Amino acid sequence: MKKVEIYSSPLCGFCHAAKRLLNSKGVKFSETDVLALPAKKTEMIQRANGGRTVPQIFIGEIHIGGFDDLNALERAGKLDDILAA
């Protein structure tokens, strides 16, 4: 399974929803709290091609986007393939 990374904030409902979805699938992920580590927000914006909102989710080297994007992949039945590829 590919490495999964989430840039998040503890105050973000979409961040919690993304983590719930990944946890429900048994996916392990690393999380970077951009509120606690503000310098990491700049890193996130660069990696996310200008994306400033949280969550920003990466699977391997692929930028997935936010929760809506992650959830759309799950609903379309494509998330498992991306995680396994």
PDB file of N, CA and C in Angstrom:
ATOM      1  N   MET A   1       0.849  -1.178   0.000  1.00  0.00           N
ATOM      2  CA  MET A   1       0.000   0.000   0.000  1.00  0.00           C
ATOM      3  C   MET A   1       0.892   1.238   0.000  1.00  0.00           C
ATOM      4  N   LYS A   2       0.477   2.228  -0.758  1.00  0.00           N
ATOM      5  CA  LYS A   2       1.242   3.465  -0.866  1.00  0.00           C
ATOM      6  C   LYS A   2       1.160   4.288   0.418  1.00  0.00           C
ATOM      7  N   LYS A   3       2.169   5.142   0.601  1.00  0.00           N
ATOM      8  CA  LYS A   3       2.195   6.047   1.738  1.00  0.00           C
ATOM      9  C   LYS A   3       1.097   7.104   1.553  1.00  0.00           C
ATOM     10  N   VAL A   4       0.336   7.340   2.615  1.00  0.00           N
ATOM     11  CA  VAL A   4      -0.740   8.333   2.585  1.00  0.00           C
ATOM     12  C   VAL A   4      -0.387   9.441   3.570  1.00  0.00           C
ATOM     13  N   GLU A   5      -0.471  10.691   3.102  1.00  0.00           N
ATOM     14  CA  GLU A   5      -0.169  11.854   3.931  1.00  0.00           C
ATOM     15  C   GLU A   5      -1.352  12.815   3.892  1.00  0.00           C
ATOM     16  N   ILE A   6      -1.659  13.378   5.058  1.00  0.00           N
ATOM     17  CA  ILE A   6      -2.737  14.359   5.151  1.00  0.00           C
ATOM     18  C   ILE A   6      -2.217  15.591   5.880  1.00  0.00           C
ATOM     19  N   TYR A   7      -2.378  16.742   5.243  1.00  0.00           N
ATOM     20  CA  TYR A   7      -2.151  18.019   5.922  1.00  0.00           C
ATOM     21  C   TYR A   7      -3.514  18.424   6.461  1.00  0.00           C
ATOM     22  N   SER A   8      -3.568  18.736   7.761  1.00  0.00           N
ATOM     23  CA  SER A   8      -4.863  18.962   8.391  1.00  0.00           C
ATOM     24  C   SER A   8      -4.794  20.026   9.475  1.00  0.00           C
ATOM     25  N   SER A   9      -5.945  20.251  10.074  1.00  0.00           N
ATOM     26  CA  SER A   9      -6.092  21.132  11.230  1.00  0.00           C
ATOM     27  C   SER A   9      -7.096  20.468  12.170  1.00  0.00           C
ATOM     28  N   PRO A  10      -6.887  20.575  13.477  1.00  0.00           N
ATOM     29  CA  PRO A  10      -7.823  19.926  14.404  1.00  0.00           C
ATOM     30  C   PRO A  10      -9.218  20.558  14.387  1.00  0.00           C
ATOM     31  N   LEU A  11      -9.351  21.736  13.809  1.00  0.00           N
ATOM     32  CA  LEU A  11     -10.637  22.440  13.783  1.00  0.00           C
ATOM     33  C   LEU A  11     -11.431  22.178  12.507  1.00  0.00           C
ATOM     34  N   CYS A  12     -10.913  21.306  11.652  1.00  0.00           N
ATOM     35  CA  CYS A  12     -11.471  21.101  10.319  1.00  0.00           C
ATOM     36  C   CYS A  12     -12.342  19.849  10.255  1.00  0.00           C
ATOM     37  N   GLY A  13     -13.626  20.041  10.026  1.00  0.00           N
ATOM     38  CA  GLY A  13     -14.547  18.916   9.908  1.00  0.00           C
ATOM     39  C   GLY A  13     -14.246  18.024   8.715  1.00  0.00           C
ATOM     40  N   PHE A  14     -13.824  18.613   7.597  1.00  0.00           N
ATOM     41  CA  PHE A  14     -13.484  17.819   6.417  1.00  0.00           C
ATOM     42  C   PHE A  14     -12.248  16.966   6.672  1.00  0.00           C
ATOM     43  N   CYS A  15     -11.320  17.477   7.490  1.00  0.00           N
ATOM     44  CA  CYS A  15     -10.132  16.697   7.865  1.00  0.00           C
ATOM     45  C   CYS A  15     -10.547  15.462   8.656  1.00  0.00           C
ATOM     46  N   HIS A  16     -11.441  15.667   9.611  1.00  0.00           N
ATOM     47  CA  HIS A  16     -11.928  14.541  10.420  1.00  0.00           C
ATOM     48  C   HIS A  16     -12.661  13.519   9.541  1.00  0.00           C
ATOM     49  N   ALA A  17     -13.434  14.013   8.570  1.00  0.00           N
ATOM     50  CA  ALA A  17     -14.165  13.109   7.675  1.00  0.00           C
ATOM     51  C   ALA A  17     -13.190  12.294   6.820  1.00  0.00           C
ATOM     52  N   ALA A  18     -12.138  12.934   6.325  1.00  0.00           N
ATOM     53  CA  ALA A  18     -11.138  12.220   5.515  1.00  0.00           C
ATOM     54  C   ALA A  18     -10.448  11.136   6.344  1.00  0.00           C
ATOM     55  N   LYS A  19     -10.092  11.477   7.571  1.00  0.00           N
ATOM     56  CA  LYS A  19      -9.430  10.495   8.435  1.00  0.00           C
ATOM     57  C   LYS A  19     -10.367   9.350   8.787  1.00  0.00           C
ATOM     58  N   ARG A  20     -11.650   9.646   9.003  1.00  0.00           N
ATOM     59  CA  ARG A  20     -12.637   8.588   9.268  1.00  0.00           C
ATOM     60  C   ARG A  20     -12.740   7.629   8.081  1.00  0.00           C
ATOM     61  N   LEU A  21     -12.780   8.196   6.880  1.00  0.00           N
ATOM     62  CA  LEU A  21     -12.889   7.365   5.686  1.00  0.00           C
ATOM     63  C   LEU A  21     -11.673   6.451   5.562  1.00  0.00           C
ATOM     64  N   LEU A  22     -10.491   7.021   5.721  1.00  0.00           N
ATOM     65  CA  LEU A  22      -9.271   6.212   5.617  1.00  0.00           C
ATOM     66  C   LEU A  22      -9.208   5.169   6.727  1.00  0.00           C
ATOM     67  N   ASN A  23      -9.560   5.561   7.947  1.00  0.00           N
ATOM     68  CA  ASN A  23      -9.566   4.604   9.065  1.00  0.00           C
ATOM     69  C   ASN A  23     -10.555   3.471   8.818  1.00  0.00           C
ATOM     70  N   SER A  24     -11.709   3.788   8.235  1.00  0.00           N
ATOM     71  CA  SER A  24     -12.721   2.755   7.983  1.00  0.00           C
ATOM     72  C   SER A  24     -12.222   1.723   6.971  1.00  0.00           C
ATOM     73  N   LYS A  25     -11.256   2.121   6.140  1.00  0.00           N
ATOM     74  CA  LYS A  25     -10.680   1.220   5.152  1.00  0.00           C
ATOM     75  C   LYS A  25      -9.409   0.556   5.670  1.00  0.00           C
ATOM     76  N   GLY A  26      -9.016   0.876   6.909  1.00  0.00           N
ATOM     77  CA  GLY A  26      -7.812   0.297   7.488  1.00  0.00           C
ATOM     78  C   GLY A  26      -6.522   0.888   6.927  1.00  0.00           C
ATOM     79  N   VAL A  27      -6.607   2.093   6.395  1.00  0.00           N
ATOM     80  CA  VAL A  27      -5.447   2.747   5.785  1.00  0.00           C
ATOM     81  C   VAL A  27      -4.679   3.514   6.857  1.00  0.00           C
ATOM     82  N   LYS A  28      -3.390   3.251   6.937  1.00  0.00           N
ATOM     83  CA  LYS A  28      -2.530   4.004   7.845  1.00  0.00           C
ATOM     84  C   LYS A  28      -2.057   5.240   7.105  1.00  0.00           C
ATOM     85  N   PHE A  29      -1.966   6.363   7.826  1.00  0.00           N
ATOM     86  CA  PHE A  29      -1.551   7.617   7.202  1.00  0.00           C
ATOM     87  C   PHE A  29      -0.749   8.443   8.185  1.00  0.00           C
ATOM     88  N   SER A  30       0.062   9.337   7.626  1.00  0.00           N
ATOM     89  CA  SER A  30       0.761  10.306   8.471  1.00  0.00           C
ATOM     90  C   SER A  30       0.001  11.626   8.353  1.00  0.00           C
ATOM     91  N   GLU A  31      -0.018  12.348   9.445  1.00  0.00           N
ATOM     92  CA  GLU A  31      -0.785  13.590   9.504  1.00  0.00           C
ATOM     93  C   GLU A  31       0.123  14.737   9.922  1.00  0.00           C
ATOM     94  N   THR A  32       0.003  15.855   9.226  1.00  0.00           N
ATOM     95  CA  THR A  32       0.735  17.063   9.572  1.00  0.00           C
ATOM     96  C   THR A  32      -0.274  18.138   9.927  1.00  0.00           C
ATOM     97  N   ASP A  33      -0.237  18.589  11.160  1.00  0.00           N
ATOM     98  CA  ASP A  33      -1.137  19.626  11.657  1.00  0.00           C
ATOM     99  C   ASP A  33      -0.551  20.989  11.304  1.00  0.00           C
ATOM    100  N   VAL A  34      -1.142  21.666  10.316  1.00  0.00           N
ATOM    101  CA  VAL A  34      -0.613  22.957   9.871  1.00  0.00           C
ATOM    102  C   VAL A  34      -0.927  24.084  10.849  1.00  0.00           C
ATOM    103  N   LEU A  35      -1.836  23.843  11.778  1.00  0.00           N
ATOM    104  CA  LEU A  35      -2.108  24.839  12.815  1.00  0.00           C
ATOM    105  C   LEU A  35      -0.996  24.817  13.856  1.00  0.00           C
ATOM    106  N   ALA A  36      -0.551  23.626  14.225  1.00  0.00           N
ATOM    107  CA  ALA A  36       0.522  23.478  15.210  1.00  0.00           C
ATOM    108  C   ALA A  36       1.898  23.740  14.586  1.00  0.00           C
ATOM    109  N   LEU A  37       2.026  23.471  13.294  1.00  0.00           N
ATOM    110  CA  LEU A  37       3.301  23.638  12.584  1.00  0.00           C
ATOM    111  C   LEU A  37       3.094  24.556  11.376  1.00  0.00           C
ATOM    112  N   PRO A  38       2.966  25.868  11.610  1.00  0.00           N
ATOM    113  CA  PRO A  38       2.639  26.799  10.521  1.00  0.00           C
ATOM    114  C   PRO A  38       3.626  26.764   9.350  1.00  0.00           C
ATOM    115  N   ALA A  39       4.882  26.458   9.593  1.00  0.00           N
ATOM    116  CA  ALA A  39       5.858  26.386   8.498  1.00  0.00           C
ATOM    117  C   ALA A  39       5.488  25.286   7.508  1.00  0.00           C
ATOM    118  N   LYS A  40       4.798  24.268   7.967  1.00  0.00           N
ATOM    119  CA  LYS A  40       4.392  23.164   7.095  1.00  0.00           C
ATOM    120  C   LYS A  40       3.276  23.577   6.130  1.00  0.00           C
ATOM    121  N   LYS A  41       2.574  24.681   6.441  1.00  0.00           N
ATOM    122  CA  LYS A  41       1.520  25.135   5.533  1.00  0.00           C
ATOM    123  C   LYS A  41       2.126  25.577   4.206  1.00  0.00           C
ATOM    124  N   THR A  42       3.278  26.226   4.259  1.00  0.00           N
ATOM    125  CA  THR A  42       3.959  26.632   3.032  1.00  0.00           C
ATOM    126  C   THR A  42       4.337  25.404   2.210  1.00  0.00           C
ATOM    127  N   GLU A  43       4.849  24.389   2.878  1.00  0.00           N
ATOM    128  CA  GLU A  43       5.179  23.127   2.209  1.00  0.00           C
ATOM    129  C   GLU A  43       3.940  22.528   1.560  1.00  0.00           C
ATOM    130  N   MET A  44       2.830  22.525   2.292  1.00  0.00           N
ATOM    131  CA  MET A  44       1.580  21.975   1.791  1.00  0.00           C
ATOM    132  C   MET A  44       1.135  22.717   0.533  1.00  0.00           C
ATOM    133  N   ILE A  45       1.166  24.039   0.571  1.00  0.00           N
ATOM    134  CA  ILE A  45       0.718  24.853  -0.564  1.00  0.00           C
ATOM    135  C   ILE A  45       1.562  24.549  -1.804  1.00  0.00           C
ATOM    136  N   GLN A  46       2.864  24.408  -1.605  1.00  0.00           N
ATOM    137  CA  GLN A  46       3.743  24.091  -2.735  1.00  0.00           C
ATOM    138  C   GLN A  46       3.434  22.707  -3.293  1.00  0.00           C
ATOM    139  N   ARG A  47       3.308  21.729  -2.427  1.00  0.00           N
ATOM    140  CA  ARG A  47       3.039  20.358  -2.880  1.00  0.00           C
ATOM    141  C   ARG A  47       1.671  20.233  -3.525  1.00  0.00           C
ATOM    142  N   ALA A  48       0.704  21.044  -3.046  1.00  0.00           N
ATOM    143  CA  ALA A  48      -0.675  20.965  -3.535  1.00  0.00           C
ATOM    144  C   ALA A  48      -0.930  21.930  -4.692  1.00  0.00           C
ATOM    145  N   ASN A  49       0.147  22.400  -5.316  1.00  0.00           N
ATOM    146  CA  ASN A  49       0.010  23.313  -6.460  1.00  0.00           C
ATOM    147  C   ASN A  49      -0.881  24.508  -6.155  1.00  0.00           C
ATOM    148  N   GLY A  50      -0.662  25.106  -4.986  1.00  0.00           N
ATOM    149  CA  GLY A  50      -1.408  26.303  -4.601  1.00  0.00           C
ATOM    150  C   GLY A  50      -2.605  26.055  -3.710  1.00  0.00           C
ATOM    151  N   GLY A  51      -2.924  24.804  -3.438  1.00  0.00           N
ATOM    152  CA  GLY A  51      -4.062  24.492  -2.563  1.00  0.00           C
ATOM    153  C   GLY A  51      -3.797  24.996  -1.148  1.00  0.00           C
ATOM    154  N   ARG A  52      -4.675  25.841  -0.643  1.00  0.00           N
ATOM    155  CA  ARG A  52      -4.455  26.475   0.661  1.00  0.00           C
ATOM    156  C   ARG A  52      -5.360  25.935   1.756  1.00  0.00           C
ATOM    157  N   THR A  53      -6.384  25.195   1.382  1.00  0.00           N
ATOM    158  CA  THR A  53      -7.330  24.705   2.378  1.00  0.00           C
ATOM    159  C   THR A  53      -6.926  23.307   2.847  1.00  0.00           C
ATOM    160  N   VAL A  54      -7.378  22.949   4.024  1.00  0.00           N
ATOM    161  CA  VAL A  54      -7.143  21.605   4.538  1.00  0.00           C
ATOM    162  C   VAL A  54      -8.453  20.840   4.488  1.00  0.00           C
ATOM    163  N   PRO A  55      -8.397  19.543   4.335  1.00  0.00           N
ATOM    164  CA  PRO A  55      -7.189  18.743   4.194  1.00  0.00           C
ATOM    165  C   PRO A  55      -6.632  18.814   2.780  1.00  0.00           C
ATOM    166  N   GLN A  56      -5.347  18.531   2.676  1.00  0.00           N
ATOM    167  CA  GLN A  56      -4.696  18.243   1.396  1.00  0.00           C
ATOM    168  C   GLN A  56      -4.149  16.833   1.557  1.00  0.00           C
ATOM    169  N   ILE A  57      -4.551  15.958   0.668  1.00  0.00           N
ATOM    170  CA  ILE A  57      -4.265  14.531   0.807  1.00  0.00           C
ATOM    171  C   ILE A  57      -3.377  14.072  -0.351  1.00  0.00           C
ATOM    172  N   PHE A  58      -2.366  13.290   0.010  1.00  0.00           N
ATOM    173  CA  PHE A  58      -1.440  12.734  -0.966  1.00  0.00           C
ATOM    174  C   PHE A  58      -1.380  11.224  -0.776  1.00  0.00           C
ATOM    175  N   ILE A  59      -1.443  10.506  -1.882  1.00  0.00           N
ATOM    176  CA  ILE A  59      -1.250   9.053  -1.859  1.00  0.00           C
ATOM    177  C   ILE A  59      -0.048   8.776  -2.747  1.00  0.00           C
ATOM    178  N   GLY A  60       1.028   8.328  -2.124  1.00  0.00           N
ATOM    179  CA  GLY A  60       2.285   8.227  -2.858  1.00  0.00           C
ATOM    180  C   GLY A  60       2.673   9.624  -3.300  1.00  0.00           C
ATOM    181  N   GLU A  61       2.967   9.799  -4.545  1.00  0.00           N
ATOM    182  CA  GLU A  61       3.310  11.113  -5.091  1.00  0.00           C
ATOM    183  C   GLU A  61       2.105  11.806  -5.718  1.00  0.00           C
ATOM    184  N   ILE A  62       0.943  11.169  -5.644  1.00  0.00           N
ATOM    185  CA  ILE A  62      -0.266  11.721  -6.267  1.00  0.00           C
ATOM    186  C   ILE A  62      -0.973  12.663  -5.306  1.00  0.00           C
ATOM    187  N   HIS A  63      -1.242  13.890  -5.754  1.00  0.00           N
ATOM    188  CA  HIS A  63      -2.034  14.839  -4.971  1.00  0.00           C
ATOM    189  C   HIS A  63      -3.503  14.539  -5.245  1.00  0.00           C
ATOM    190  N   ILE A  64      -4.194  14.049  -4.230  1.00  0.00           N
ATOM    191  CA  ILE A  64      -5.605  13.695  -4.361  1.00  0.00           C
ATOM    192  C   ILE A  64      -6.478  14.935  -4.290  1.00  0.00           C
ATOM    193  N   GLY A  65      -6.132  15.854  -3.393  1.00  0.00           N
ATOM    194  CA  GLY A  65      -6.941  17.050  -3.167  1.00  0.00           C
ATOM    195  C   GLY A  65      -7.486  17.012  -1.759  1.00  0.00           C
ATOM    196  N   GLY A  66      -8.729  17.435  -1.607  1.00  0.00           N
ATOM    197  CA  GLY A  66      -9.360  17.475  -0.294  1.00  0.00           C
ATOM    198  C   GLY A  66     -10.292  16.299  -0.061  1.00  0.00           C
ATOM    199  N   PHE A  67     -11.117  16.419   0.976  1.00  0.00           N
ATOM    200  CA  PHE A  67     -12.029  15.331   1.322  1.00  0.00           C
ATOM    201  C   PHE A  67     -13.003  15.032   0.197  1.00  0.00           C
ATOM    202  N   ASP A  68     -13.559  16.064  -0.442  1.00  0.00           N
ATOM    203  CA  ASP A  68     -14.527  15.819  -1.517  1.00  0.00           C
ATOM    204  C   ASP A  68     -13.911  14.974  -2.628  1.00  0.00           C
ATOM    205  N   ASP A  69     -12.646  15.242  -2.944  1.00  0.00           N
ATOM    206  CA  ASP A  69     -11.952  14.488  -3.984  1.00  0.00           C
ATOM    207  C   ASP A  69     -11.719  13.034  -3.537  1.00  0.00           C
ATOM    208  N   LEU A  70     -11.291  12.873  -2.286  1.00  0.00           N
ATOM    209  CA  LEU A  70     -11.076  11.538  -1.730  1.00  0.00           C
ATOM    210  C   LEU A  70     -12.375  10.742  -1.725  1.00  0.00           C
ATOM    211  N   ASN A  71     -13.436  11.369  -1.284  1.00  0.00           N
ATOM    212  CA  ASN A  71     -14.739  10.711  -1.207  1.00  0.00           C
ATOM    213  C   ASN A  71     -15.271  10.364  -2.596  1.00  0.00           C
ATOM    214  N   ALA A  72     -15.032  11.237  -3.569  1.00  0.00           N
ATOM    215  CA  ALA A  72     -15.471  10.964  -4.945  1.00  0.00           C
ATOM    216  C   ALA A  72     -14.747   9.732  -5.494  1.00  0.00           C
ATOM    217  N   LEU A  73     -13.457   9.603  -5.191  1.00  0.00           N
ATOM    218  CA  LEU A  73     -12.716   8.411  -5.616  1.00  0.00           C
ATOM    219  C   LEU A  73     -13.285   7.152  -4.972  1.00  0.00           C
ATOM    220  N   GLU A  74     -13.635   7.253  -3.693  1.00  0.00           N
ATOM    221  CA  GLU A  74     -14.216   6.106  -2.985  1.00  0.00           C
ATOM    222  C   GLU A  74     -15.561   5.734  -3.599  1.00  0.00           C
ATOM    223  N   ARG A  75     -16.421   6.715  -3.838  1.00  0.00           N
ATOM    224  CA  ARG A  75     -17.745   6.446  -4.403  1.00  0.00           C
ATOM    225  C   ARG A  75     -17.658   5.849  -5.806  1.00  0.00           C
ATOM    226  N   ALA A  76     -16.623   6.254  -6.552  1.00  0.00           N
ATOM    227  CA  ALA A  76     -16.445   5.749  -7.915  1.00  0.00           C
ATOM    228  C   ALA A  76     -15.746   4.384  -7.931  1.00  0.00           C
ATOM    229  N   GLY A  77     -15.339   3.894  -6.749  1.00  0.00           N
ATOM    230  CA  GLY A  77     -14.678   2.605  -6.676  1.00  0.00           C
ATOM    231  C   GLY A  77     -13.211   2.637  -7.122  1.00  0.00           C
ATOM    232  N   LYS A  78     -12.602   3.817  -7.147  1.00  0.00           N
ATOM    233  CA  LYS A  78     -11.233   3.967  -7.635  1.00  0.00           C
ATOM    234  C   LYS A  78     -10.198   4.099  -6.528  1.00  0.00           C
ATOM    235  N   LEU A  79     -10.630   4.387  -5.298  1.00  0.00           N
ATOM    236  CA  LEU A  79      -9.682   4.661  -4.214  1.00  0.00           C
ATOM    237  C   LEU A  79      -8.823   3.442  -3.899  1.00  0.00           C
ATOM    238  N   ASP A  80      -9.414   2.282  -3.833  1.00  0.00           N
ATOM    239  CA  ASP A  80      -8.646   1.070  -3.505  1.00  0.00           C
ATOM    240  C   ASP A  80      -7.527   0.829  -4.518  1.00  0.00           C
ATOM    241  N   ASP A  81      -7.830   1.056  -5.799  1.00  0.00           N
ATOM    242  CA  ASP A  81      -6.814   0.871  -6.830  1.00  0.00           C
ATOM    243  C   ASP A  81      -5.656   1.851  -6.670  1.00  0.00           C
ATOM    244  N   ILE A  82      -5.958   3.088  -6.337  1.00  0.00           N
ATOM    245  CA  ILE A  82      -4.912   4.100  -6.151  1.00  0.00           C
ATOM    246  C   ILE A  82      -4.061   3.750  -4.942  1.00  0.00           C
ATOM    247  N   LEU A  83      -4.711   3.294  -3.880  1.00  0.00           N
ATOM    248  CA  LEU A  83      -3.961   2.912  -2.672  1.00  0.00           C
ATOM    249  C   LEU A  83      -3.056   1.717  -2.933  1.00  0.00           C
ATOM    250  N   ALA A  84      -3.507   0.790  -3.748  1.00  0.00           N
ATOM    251  CA  ALA A  84      -2.763  -0.444  -3.969  1.00  0.00           C
ATOM    252  C   ALA A  84      -1.709  -0.338  -5.070  1.00  0.00           C
ATOM    253  N   ALA A  85      -1.907   0.580  -5.992  1.00  0.00           N
ATOM    254  CA  ALA A  85      -1.021   0.673  -7.172  1.00  0.00           C
ATOM    255  C   ALA A  85       0.428   0.917  -6.794  1.00  0.00           C
TER     256      ALA A  85
END
